[in-house]
Amino acid sequence: LYFSAQEGILIFYHIKDLQYEIKICADISQPISNLIFSPDYTSLLLVTDQGTVYSYRPAHSGEVVKLLDTSSSCFLAADFLTPGNNYCVSVTISGEVQVWSLEDGTFLSKLNIGIEVHV
């Protein structure tokens, strides 16, 4: 079970039978608004309300990598673009949909849908 504390700490609870273990995985020092697993559960996106998106891969190094920072564009939400785990899509309040590479955070494309977006 993964969850985040208000202070921006990613926490993992490993539960087995009646025993559990708590592990602090990362501290990004920004409140985390959303945790999204990739379709194959190998990556976890950490989304902040300031518009920063981080990637966490538990089976690899266990490090959190900053993928993108959209803080200047009224960021609203992000998710994996499927199939696969290579791309992320984000949307701004103004209706701009953006596609990013999860490998290095490179901005790839955008489309303005012309309407204000609400979650």
C-alpha atoms as a PDB file:
ATOM      1  CA  LEU A   1       0.000   0.000   0.000  1.00  0.00           C
ATOM      2  CA  TYR A   2       1.472   3.352  -1.087  1.00  0.00           C
ATOM      3  CA  PHE A   3       0.206   6.656   0.250  1.00  0.00           C
ATOM      4  CA  SER A   4       1.463  10.170   0.706  1.00  0.00           C
ATOM      5  CA  ALA A   5       1.599  12.421   3.712  1.00  0.00           C
ATOM      6  CA  GLN A   6       0.606  16.070   3.397  1.00  0.00           C
ATOM      7  CA  GLU A   7       4.251  17.153   3.660  1.00  0.00           C
ATOM      8  CA  GLY A   8       5.173  15.371   0.409  1.00  0.00           C
ATOM      9  CA  ILE A   9       6.411  12.091   1.836  1.00  0.00           C
ATOM     10  CA  LEU A  10       5.738   8.867  -0.093  1.00  0.00           C
ATOM     11  CA  ILE A  11       5.152   5.983   2.330  1.00  0.00           C
ATOM     12  CA  PHE A  12       4.882   2.245   1.670  1.00  0.00           C
ATOM     13  CA  TYR A  13       3.074  -0.176   3.968  1.00  0.00           C
ATOM     14  CA  HIS A  14       4.024  -3.814   3.385  1.00  0.00           C
ATOM     15  CA  ILE A  15       1.213  -5.859   4.924  1.00  0.00           C
ATOM     16  CA  LYS A  16       1.440  -9.622   5.362  1.00  0.00           C
ATOM     17  CA  ASP A  17      -0.997 -11.513   7.544  1.00  0.00           C
ATOM     18  CA  LEU A  18      -1.188  -9.556  10.806  1.00  0.00           C
ATOM     19  CA  GLN A  19       2.283  -8.011  10.431  1.00  0.00           C
ATOM     20  CA  TYR A  20       3.196  -4.809   8.642  1.00  0.00           C
ATOM     21  CA  GLU A  21       6.325  -2.836   7.847  1.00  0.00           C
ATOM     22  CA  ILE A  22       6.473   0.904   7.144  1.00  0.00           C
ATOM     23  CA  LYS A  23       9.028   2.363   4.755  1.00  0.00           C
ATOM     24  CA  ILE A  24       9.516   6.003   3.792  1.00  0.00           C
ATOM     25  CA  CYS A  25      10.269   5.894   0.070  1.00  0.00           C
ATOM     26  CA  ALA A  26      10.760   9.566  -0.768  1.00  0.00           C
ATOM     27  CA  ASP A  27      10.400  13.120   0.437  1.00  0.00           C
ATOM     28  CA  ILE A  28       9.682  15.581  -2.363  1.00  0.00           C
ATOM     29  CA  SER A  29       8.856  18.491  -0.010  1.00  0.00           C
ATOM     30  CA  GLN A  30       5.676  19.389  -1.920  1.00  0.00           C
ATOM     31  CA  PRO A  31       2.161  18.200  -1.085  1.00  0.00           C
ATOM     32  CA  ILE A  32       1.321  15.224  -3.319  1.00  0.00           C
ATOM     33  CA  SER A  33      -2.148  15.533  -4.847  1.00  0.00           C
ATOM     34  CA  ASN A  34      -2.225  12.301  -6.833  1.00  0.00           C
ATOM     35  CA  LEU A  35      -0.504   8.897  -7.037  1.00  0.00           C
ATOM     36  CA  ILE A  36      -0.966   7.020 -10.320  1.00  0.00           C
ATOM     37  CA  PHE A  37       0.410   3.554 -11.102  1.00  0.00           C
ATOM     38  CA  SER A  38       1.443   2.661 -14.633  1.00  0.00           C
ATOM     39  CA  PRO A  39      -0.671  -0.034 -16.341  1.00  0.00           C
ATOM     40  CA  ASP A  40       1.955  -2.698 -15.551  1.00  0.00           C
ATOM     41  CA  TYR A  41       2.521  -1.380 -11.981  1.00  0.00           C
ATOM     42  CA  THR A  42       6.261  -0.806 -12.495  1.00  0.00           C
ATOM     43  CA  SER A  43       6.150   2.994 -12.159  1.00  0.00           C
ATOM     44  CA  LEU A  44       4.300   5.396  -9.941  1.00  0.00           C
ATOM     45  CA  LEU A  45       3.638   9.017 -10.890  1.00  0.00           C
ATOM     46  CA  LEU A  46       3.631  11.484  -8.011  1.00  0.00           C
ATOM     47  CA  VAL A  47       1.712  14.612  -8.969  1.00  0.00           C
ATOM     48  CA  THR A  48       1.798  17.805  -6.898  1.00  0.00           C
ATOM     49  CA  ASP A  49      -0.752  20.608  -6.949  1.00  0.00           C
ATOM     50  CA  GLN A  50       2.088  22.961  -7.914  1.00  0.00           C
ATOM     51  CA  GLY A  51       2.383  21.141 -11.252  1.00  0.00           C
ATOM     52  CA  THR A  52       5.460  19.009 -10.691  1.00  0.00           C
ATOM     53  CA  VAL A  53       5.408  15.349 -11.751  1.00  0.00           C
ATOM     54  CA  TYR A  54       7.830  12.788 -10.334  1.00  0.00           C
ATOM     55  CA  SER A  55       8.395   9.144 -11.227  1.00  0.00           C
ATOM     56  CA  TYR A  56       9.082   6.433  -8.669  1.00  0.00           C
ATOM     57  CA  ARG A  57      10.124   2.918  -9.731  1.00  0.00           C
ATOM     58  CA  PRO A  58      10.077   0.608  -6.694  1.00  0.00           C
ATOM     59  CA  ALA A  59      11.817  -2.334  -8.369  1.00  0.00           C
ATOM     60  CA  HIS A  60      14.666  -0.244  -9.790  1.00  0.00           C
ATOM     61  CA  SER A  61      16.711   2.202  -7.783  1.00  0.00           C
ATOM     62  CA  GLY A  62      13.778   3.278  -5.645  1.00  0.00           C
ATOM     63  CA  GLU A  63      14.686   6.900  -6.345  1.00  0.00           C
ATOM     64  CA  VAL A  64      12.232   9.637  -7.201  1.00  0.00           C
ATOM     65  CA  VAL A  65      13.022  11.421 -10.471  1.00  0.00           C
ATOM     66  CA  LYS A  66      11.573  14.817 -11.347  1.00  0.00           C
ATOM     67  CA  LEU A  67      10.045  14.433 -14.802  1.00  0.00           C
ATOM     68  CA  LEU A  68       8.429  17.758 -15.465  1.00  0.00           C
ATOM     69  CA  ASP A  69       7.501  21.027 -13.868  1.00  0.00           C
ATOM     70  CA  THR A  70       4.475  22.764 -15.332  1.00  0.00           C
ATOM     71  CA  SER A  71       4.023  25.216 -12.476  1.00  0.00           C
ATOM     72  CA  SER A  72       3.660  28.203 -14.775  1.00  0.00           C
ATOM     73  CA  SER A  73       0.787  26.729 -16.811  1.00  0.00           C
ATOM     74  CA  CYS A  74      -2.102  26.236 -14.301  1.00  0.00           C
ATOM     75  CA  PHE A  75      -1.511  22.483 -14.159  1.00  0.00           C
ATOM     76  CA  LEU A  76      -4.557  20.373 -13.293  1.00  0.00           C
ATOM     77  CA  ALA A  77      -3.791  16.639 -13.686  1.00  0.00           C
ATOM     78  CA  ALA A  78      -1.503  14.009 -15.235  1.00  0.00           C
ATOM     79  CA  ASP A  79      -1.689  10.321 -16.121  1.00  0.00           C
ATOM     80  CA  PHE A  80       0.119   7.635 -18.104  1.00  0.00           C
ATOM     81  CA  LEU A  81      -0.567   7.582 -21.839  1.00  0.00           C
ATOM     82  CA  THR A  82      -1.211   3.944 -22.667  1.00  0.00           C
ATOM     83  CA  PRO A  83      -0.334   1.460 -24.016  1.00  0.00           C
ATOM     84  CA  GLY A  84       3.064   1.237 -22.389  1.00  0.00           C
ATOM     85  CA  ASN A  85       4.876   3.306 -19.773  1.00  0.00           C
ATOM     86  CA  ASN A  86       6.823   5.679 -22.001  1.00  0.00           C
ATOM     87  CA  TYR A  87       4.606   8.750 -22.049  1.00  0.00           C
ATOM     88  CA  CYS A  88       2.638  10.972 -19.709  1.00  0.00           C
ATOM     89  CA  VAL A  89      -0.248  13.269 -20.577  1.00  0.00           C
ATOM     90  CA  SER A  90      -1.092  16.383 -18.573  1.00  0.00           C
ATOM     91  CA  VAL A  91      -3.859  18.946 -18.815  1.00  0.00           C
ATOM     92  CA  THR A  92      -4.050  22.580 -17.762  1.00  0.00           C
ATOM     93  CA  ILE A  93      -7.096  24.462 -16.516  1.00  0.00           C
ATOM     94  CA  SER A  94      -7.165  26.406 -19.797  1.00  0.00           C
ATOM     95  CA  GLY A  95      -7.594  23.158 -21.771  1.00  0.00           C
ATOM     96  CA  GLU A  96      -4.086  22.541 -23.048  1.00  0.00           C
ATOM     97  CA  VAL A  97      -3.318  18.804 -23.252  1.00  0.00           C
ATOM     98  CA  GLN A  98       0.429  18.061 -23.215  1.00  0.00           C
ATOM     99  CA  VAL A  99       2.404  14.878 -23.905  1.00  0.00           C
ATOM    100  CA  TRP A 100       5.733  14.245 -22.132  1.00  0.00           C
ATOM    101  CA  SER A 101       8.405  11.561 -22.324  1.00  0.00           C
ATOM    102  CA  LEU A 102       8.687   9.669 -19.044  1.00  0.00           C
ATOM    103  CA  GLU A 103      12.256   8.704 -19.863  1.00  0.00           C
ATOM    104  CA  ASP A 104      13.670  12.212 -19.498  1.00  0.00           C
ATOM    105  CA  GLY A 105      10.727  14.616 -19.094  1.00  0.00           C
ATOM    106  CA  THR A 106      10.998  15.977 -22.636  1.00  0.00           C
ATOM    107  CA  PHE A 107       7.959  17.923 -23.826  1.00  0.00           C
ATOM    108  CA  LEU A 108       6.722  16.230 -27.023  1.00  0.00           C
ATOM    109  CA  SER A 109       3.405  17.695 -28.106  1.00  0.00           C
ATOM    110  CA  LYS A 110       0.398  19.769 -27.109  1.00  0.00           C
ATOM    111  CA  LEU A 111      -3.187  20.287 -28.195  1.00  0.00           C
ATOM    112  CA  ASN A 112      -5.457  23.067 -27.037  1.00  0.00           C
ATOM    113  CA  ILE A 113      -9.027  21.755 -26.760  1.00  0.00           C
ATOM    114  CA  GLY A 114     -10.390  25.283 -26.434  1.00  0.00           C
ATOM    115  CA  ILE A 115     -12.436  24.876 -23.256  1.00  0.00           C
ATOM    116  CA  GLU A 116     -11.760  25.307 -19.548  1.00  0.00           C
ATOM    117  CA  VAL A 117     -11.141  21.978 -17.790  1.00  0.00           C
ATOM    118  CA  HIS A 118     -12.365  20.962 -14.315  1.00  0.00           C
ATOM    119  CA  VAL A 119     -11.691  17.786 -12.340  1.00  0.00           C
END
